[in-house]
Protein backbone atom coordinates (compact mmCIF):
# COMPACT_ATOMS: atom_id res chain seq x y z
CA MET A 1 37.50 -17.70 -18.57
CA VAL A 2 34.42 -18.41 -16.48
CA ALA A 3 31.29 -18.93 -18.55
CA LYS A 4 28.34 -16.70 -17.73
CA ALA A 5 24.68 -16.99 -18.68
CA ARG A 6 22.25 -14.16 -18.24
CA GLY A 7 24.52 -12.30 -15.85
CA ARG A 8 25.32 -15.19 -13.51
CA ARG A 9 28.26 -17.53 -13.18
CA LEU A 10 27.69 -21.12 -14.16
CA THR A 11 28.64 -23.98 -11.91
CA SER A 12 30.86 -26.78 -13.16
CA SER A 13 27.75 -28.97 -13.27
CA GLN A 14 25.91 -26.55 -15.54
CA ARG A 15 28.87 -26.32 -17.90
CA ALA A 16 29.24 -30.10 -17.95
CA SER A 17 25.52 -30.47 -18.62
CA ALA A 18 25.71 -28.16 -21.60
CA LEU A 19 28.65 -30.12 -22.98
CA PHE A 20 26.80 -33.41 -22.46
CA HIS A 21 25.74 -32.93 -26.08
CA LEU A 22 28.77 -34.98 -27.14
CA TRP A 23 27.36 -38.08 -25.47
CA HIS A 24 24.00 -37.60 -27.18
CA ASN A 25 25.77 -37.02 -30.47
CA LEU A 26 27.71 -40.27 -30.10
CA GLN A 27 24.54 -42.13 -29.16
CA ASP A 28 22.78 -40.70 -32.25
CA ILE A 29 20.00 -39.06 -30.23
CA ALA A 30 19.55 -36.09 -32.57
CA ALA A 31 16.89 -34.10 -30.69
CA GLU A 32 18.80 -34.22 -27.40
CA ALA A 33 22.10 -33.55 -29.15
CA GLU A 34 20.63 -30.43 -30.79
CA LYS A 35 19.19 -29.20 -27.48
CA HIS A 36 22.49 -29.55 -25.63
CA MET A 37 24.74 -28.40 -28.47
CA THR A 38 22.78 -25.20 -29.07
CA LEU A 39 22.84 -24.44 -25.33
CA ALA A 40 26.59 -25.08 -25.19
CA ALA A 41 27.22 -22.94 -28.28
CA GLY A 42 24.90 -20.10 -27.27
CA THR A 43 23.43 -19.65 -23.78
CA TYR A 44 26.28 -21.40 -21.94
CA ARG A 45 29.07 -20.58 -24.39
CA MET A 46 32.62 -20.98 -23.12
CA ASP A 47 35.54 -19.30 -24.82
CA HIS A 48 37.77 -22.36 -25.10
CA PHE A 49 38.12 -25.56 -27.13
CA MET A 50 34.91 -27.30 -25.95
CA GLY A 51 32.80 -24.20 -26.54
CA LYS A 52 34.19 -23.92 -30.04
CA ILE A 53 33.47 -27.61 -30.71
CA ALA A 54 29.81 -27.05 -29.81
CA THR A 55 29.66 -24.07 -32.18
CA LEU A 56 31.26 -26.07 -34.97
CA HIS A 57 28.77 -28.94 -34.52
CA CYS A 58 25.85 -26.50 -34.74
CA GLU A 59 27.22 -24.80 -37.83
CA LEU A 60 27.85 -28.11 -39.61
CA ARG A 61 24.35 -29.38 -38.83
CA GLY A 62 22.60 -26.08 -39.56
CA TRP A 63 21.25 -25.68 -36.03
CA LYS A 64 20.38 -22.14 -34.92
CA ILE A 65 22.55 -20.96 -32.03
CA PRO A 66 20.62 -18.86 -29.45
CA GLN A 67 22.12 -15.52 -28.47
């Protein structure tokens, strides 16, 4: 399934950028991790494993997921 945000298709670069949260999470950069994870779980949500991982991270940390 191709991820869409606000009625447009996302490029591979945009999807990868949203999932970059994992790197920030591993580096313990909390503010950047939250920014990227909430984007990946909400605005740029993908209906597959990586999208679900972003959602899980947000839920576990209590971060609000944008709609």
